[in-house]
């Protein structure tokens, strides 16, 4: 083997190498980038709202009514392939995340629904 055959790919035509390289580049762009599934949720705000909405609740009640439903929602999104980012917002509504990729969704409302009291329980003293 001499250097010329290595550099010129032996007996393979140069045009075939260009076409093969172009096809590989195209396939890499088409199949290499998956849609990123990212979900953002304000878990801290949901927990505070839920705990303040349940004055006098025991630790066991808070585990059953707040922590476990939140963990179920987080697991649900994780099972669907989402990366879940716990975030926080300031009073102006600005997230404390430096950047979010396109296609990310906000699951804060789903977390709120998970810990929402039943209407019957909300009217009880």
C-alpha atoms as a PDB file:
ATOM      1  CA  UNK A   1       0.000   0.000   0.000  1.00  0.00           C
ATOM      2  CA  UNK A   2       1.368   3.326  -0.914  1.00  0.00           C
ATOM      3  CA  UNK A   3       0.300   6.756   0.262  1.00  0.00           C
ATOM      4  CA  UNK A   4      -1.360   7.608  -3.030  1.00  0.00           C
ATOM      5  CA  UNK A   5      -3.827   4.709  -2.795  1.00  0.00           C
ATOM      6  CA  UNK A   6      -4.741   5.633   0.800  1.00  0.00           C
ATOM      7  CA  UNK A   7      -5.351   9.292   0.002  1.00  0.00           C
ATOM      8  CA  UNK A   8      -7.240   8.612  -3.208  1.00  0.00           C
ATOM      9  CA  UNK A   9      -9.269   5.711  -1.687  1.00  0.00           C
ATOM     10  CA  UNK A  10      -7.695   3.083  -3.880  1.00  0.00           C
ATOM     11  CA  UNK A  11      -9.817   2.218  -6.885  1.00  0.00           C
ATOM     12  CA  UNK A  12     -13.048   3.827  -5.654  1.00  0.00           C
ATOM     13  CA  UNK A  13     -13.981   6.767  -7.889  1.00  0.00           C
ATOM     14  CA  UNK A  14     -13.716  10.151  -6.239  1.00  0.00           C
ATOM     15  CA  UNK A  15     -17.264  11.074  -7.294  1.00  0.00           C
ATOM     16  CA  UNK A  16     -18.612   7.980  -5.490  1.00  0.00           C
ATOM     17  CA  UNK A  17     -16.879   9.102  -2.308  1.00  0.00           C
ATOM     18  CA  UNK A  18     -18.420  12.578  -2.620  1.00  0.00           C
ATOM     19  CA  UNK A  19     -21.903  11.108  -3.113  1.00  0.00           C
ATOM     20  CA  UNK A  20     -21.455   8.713  -0.187  1.00  0.00           C
ATOM     21  CA  UNK A  21     -20.207  11.532   2.053  1.00  0.00           C
ATOM     22  CA  UNK A  22     -23.140  13.734   1.060  1.00  0.00           C
ATOM     23  CA  UNK A  23     -25.619  10.924   1.751  1.00  0.00           C
ATOM     24  CA  UNK A  24     -24.081  10.323   5.187  1.00  0.00           C
ATOM     25  CA  UNK A  25     -24.216  14.027   5.999  1.00  0.00           C
ATOM     26  CA  UNK A  26     -27.862  14.242   4.932  1.00  0.00           C
ATOM     27  CA  UNK A  27     -28.803  11.126   6.929  1.00  0.00           C
ATOM     28  CA  UNK A  28     -26.995  12.489   9.972  1.00  0.00           C
ATOM     29  CA  UNK A  29     -29.002  15.707   9.865  1.00  0.00           C
ATOM     30  CA  UNK A  30     -32.293  13.918   9.271  1.00  0.00           C
ATOM     31  CA  UNK A  31     -31.966  11.157  11.838  1.00  0.00           C
ATOM     32  CA  UNK A  32     -29.435  12.513  14.307  1.00  0.00           C
ATOM     33  CA  UNK A  33     -31.552  15.261  15.829  1.00  0.00           C
ATOM     34  CA  UNK A  34     -34.404  13.986  17.934  1.00  0.00           C
ATOM     35  CA  UNK A  35     -37.119  16.305  19.122  1.00  0.00           C
ATOM     36  CA  UNK A  36     -36.202  17.275  22.631  1.00  0.00           C
ATOM     37  CA  UNK A  37     -39.038  16.863  25.073  1.00  0.00           C
ATOM     38  CA  UNK A  38     -38.597  19.255  27.966  1.00  0.00           C
ATOM     39  CA  UNK A  39     -41.182  20.106  30.609  1.00  0.00           C
ATOM     40  CA  UNK A  40     -40.886  22.980  33.078  1.00  0.00           C
ATOM     41  CA  UNK A  41     -42.781  23.150  36.346  1.00  0.00           C
ATOM     42  CA  UNK A  42     -42.807  25.361  39.426  1.00  0.00           C
ATOM     43  CA  UNK A  43     -42.886  22.589  42.001  1.00  0.00           C
ATOM     44  CA  UNK A  44     -41.905  24.873  44.875  1.00  0.00           C
ATOM     45  CA  UNK A  45     -44.794  27.263  44.247  1.00  0.00           C
ATOM     46  CA  UNK A  46     -47.236  24.371  43.949  1.00  0.00           C
ATOM     47  CA  UNK A  47     -46.033  22.850  47.220  1.00  0.00           C
ATOM     48  CA  UNK A  48     -46.303  26.160  49.085  1.00  0.00           C
ATOM     49  CA  UNK A  49     -49.810  26.824  47.724  1.00  0.00           C
ATOM     50  CA  UNK A  50     -50.934  23.302  48.596  1.00  0.00           C
ATOM     51  CA  UNK A  51     -49.506  23.400  52.128  1.00  0.00           C
ATOM     52  CA  UNK A  52     -51.002  26.841  52.837  1.00  0.00           C
ATOM     53  CA  UNK A  53     -54.331  25.556  51.525  1.00  0.00           C
ATOM     54  CA  UNK A  54     -54.241  22.760  54.133  1.00  0.00           C
ATOM     55  CA  UNK A  55     -53.784  24.423  57.518  1.00  0.00           C
ATOM     56  CA  UNK A  56     -53.351  21.946  60.352  1.00  0.00           C
ATOM     57  CA  UNK A  57     -52.684  18.991  58.034  1.00  0.00           C
ATOM     58  CA  UNK A  58     -50.528  16.246  59.472  1.00  0.00           C
ATOM     59  CA  UNK A  59     -47.303  15.090  57.881  1.00  0.00           C
ATOM     60  CA  UNK A  60     -49.024  11.935  56.604  1.00  0.00           C
ATOM     61  CA  UNK A  61     -51.836  13.983  55.051  1.00  0.00           C
ATOM     62  CA  UNK A  62     -49.326  16.233  53.311  1.00  0.00           C
ATOM     63  CA  UNK A  63     -47.491  13.191  51.975  1.00  0.00           C
ATOM     64  CA  UNK A  64     -50.727  11.693  50.629  1.00  0.00           C
ATOM     65  CA  UNK A  65     -52.287  14.910  49.319  1.00  0.00           C
ATOM     66  CA  UNK A  66     -49.252  16.896  48.132  1.00  0.00           C
ATOM     67  CA  UNK A  67     -46.020  14.961  47.746  1.00  0.00           C
ATOM     68  CA  UNK A  68     -47.355  11.729  46.241  1.00  0.00           C
ATOM     69  CA  UNK A  69     -49.557  13.425  43.572  1.00  0.00           C
ATOM     70  CA  UNK A  70     -46.652  15.658  42.541  1.00  0.00           C
ATOM     71  CA  UNK A  71     -44.337  12.670  42.272  1.00  0.00           C
ATOM     72  CA  UNK A  72     -46.950  10.855  40.156  1.00  0.00           C
ATOM     73  CA  UNK A  73     -47.175  13.806  37.744  1.00  0.00           C
ATOM     74  CA  UNK A  74     -43.381  14.056  37.498  1.00  0.00           C
ATOM     75  CA  UNK A  75     -43.134  10.306  36.854  1.00  0.00           C
ATOM     76  CA  UNK A  76     -45.899  10.533  34.240  1.00  0.00           C
ATOM     77  CA  UNK A  77     -43.969  13.131  32.232  1.00  0.00           C
ATOM     78  CA  UNK A  78     -40.665  11.315  32.731  1.00  0.00           C
ATOM     79  CA  UNK A  79     -42.259   8.096  31.438  1.00  0.00           C
ATOM     80  CA  UNK A  80     -43.383   9.989  28.320  1.00  0.00           C
ATOM     81  CA  UNK A  81     -39.741  10.887  27.651  1.00  0.00           C
ATOM     82  CA  UNK A  82     -39.722  14.449  28.975  1.00  0.00           C
ATOM     83  CA  UNK A  83     -36.831  15.953  30.876  1.00  0.00           C
ATOM     84  CA  UNK A  84     -38.538  17.760  33.758  1.00  0.00           C
ATOM     85  CA  UNK A  85     -36.921  20.996  34.960  1.00  0.00           C
ATOM     86  CA  UNK A  86     -37.972  22.356  38.338  1.00  0.00           C
ATOM     87  CA  UNK A  87     -38.051  26.129  37.940  1.00  0.00           C
ATOM     88  CA  UNK A  88     -39.109  29.258  39.703  1.00  0.00           C
ATOM     89  CA  UNK A  89     -40.667  32.512  38.510  1.00  0.00           C
ATOM     90  CA  UNK A  90     -40.296  35.989  39.915  1.00  0.00           C
ATOM     91  CA  UNK A  91     -43.169  38.441  40.375  1.00  0.00           C
ATOM     92  CA  UNK A  92     -42.795  39.648  36.780  1.00  0.00           C
ATOM     93  CA  UNK A  93     -43.247  36.079  35.477  1.00  0.00           C
ATOM     94  CA  UNK A  94     -39.627  35.582  34.457  1.00  0.00           C
ATOM     95  CA  UNK A  95     -38.224  32.059  34.769  1.00  0.00           C
ATOM     96  CA  UNK A  96     -35.016  31.448  36.656  1.00  0.00           C
ATOM     97  CA  UNK A  97     -33.689  29.223  33.864  1.00  0.00           C
ATOM     98  CA  UNK A  98     -31.003  30.613  31.606  1.00  0.00           C
ATOM     99  CA  UNK A  99     -32.428  29.158  28.394  1.00  0.00           C
ATOM    100  CA  UNK A 100     -35.175  26.797  27.272  1.00  0.00           C
ATOM    101  CA  UNK A 101     -35.014  24.881  24.025  1.00  0.00           C
ATOM    102  CA  UNK A 102     -37.910  25.200  21.602  1.00  0.00           C
ATOM    103  CA  UNK A 103     -40.673  22.690  22.208  1.00  0.00           C
ATOM    104  CA  UNK A 104     -40.465  22.745  25.988  1.00  0.00           C
ATOM    105  CA  UNK A 105     -43.776  22.713  27.844  1.00  0.00           C
ATOM    106  CA  UNK A 106     -44.884  24.030  31.239  1.00  0.00           C
ATOM    107  CA  UNK A 107     -46.443  21.380  33.514  1.00  0.00           C
ATOM    108  CA  UNK A 108     -47.102  23.653  36.494  1.00  0.00           C
ATOM    109  CA  UNK A 109     -50.858  23.491  35.890  1.00  0.00           C
ATOM    110  CA  UNK A 110     -50.758  19.682  35.834  1.00  0.00           C
ATOM    111  CA  UNK A 111     -48.948  19.774  39.183  1.00  0.00           C
ATOM    112  CA  UNK A 112     -51.585  22.162  40.569  1.00  0.00           C
ATOM    113  CA  UNK A 113     -54.395  19.890  39.359  1.00  0.00           C
ATOM    114  CA  UNK A 114     -52.732  16.902  41.026  1.00  0.00           C
ATOM    115  CA  UNK A 115     -52.773  18.522  44.480  1.00  0.00           C
ATOM    116  CA  UNK A 116     -56.074  20.364  44.086  1.00  0.00           C
ATOM    117  CA  UNK A 117     -58.548  19.670  46.860  1.00  0.00           C
ATOM    118  CA  UNK A 118     -61.846  18.061  46.038  1.00  0.00           C
ATOM    119  CA  UNK A 119     -64.689  20.668  46.097  1.00  0.00           C
ATOM    120  CA  UNK A 120     -66.263  18.841  49.045  1.00  0.00           C
ATOM    121  CA  UNK A 121     -63.012  18.934  51.040  1.00  0.00           C
ATOM    122  CA  UNK A 122     -62.459  22.635  50.261  1.00  0.00           C
ATOM    123  CA  UNK A 123     -65.714  23.625  51.939  1.00  0.00           C
ATOM    124  CA  UNK A 124     -64.994  21.660  55.122  1.00  0.00           C
ATOM    125  CA  UNK A 125     -63.651  23.736  58.027  1.00  0.00           C
END
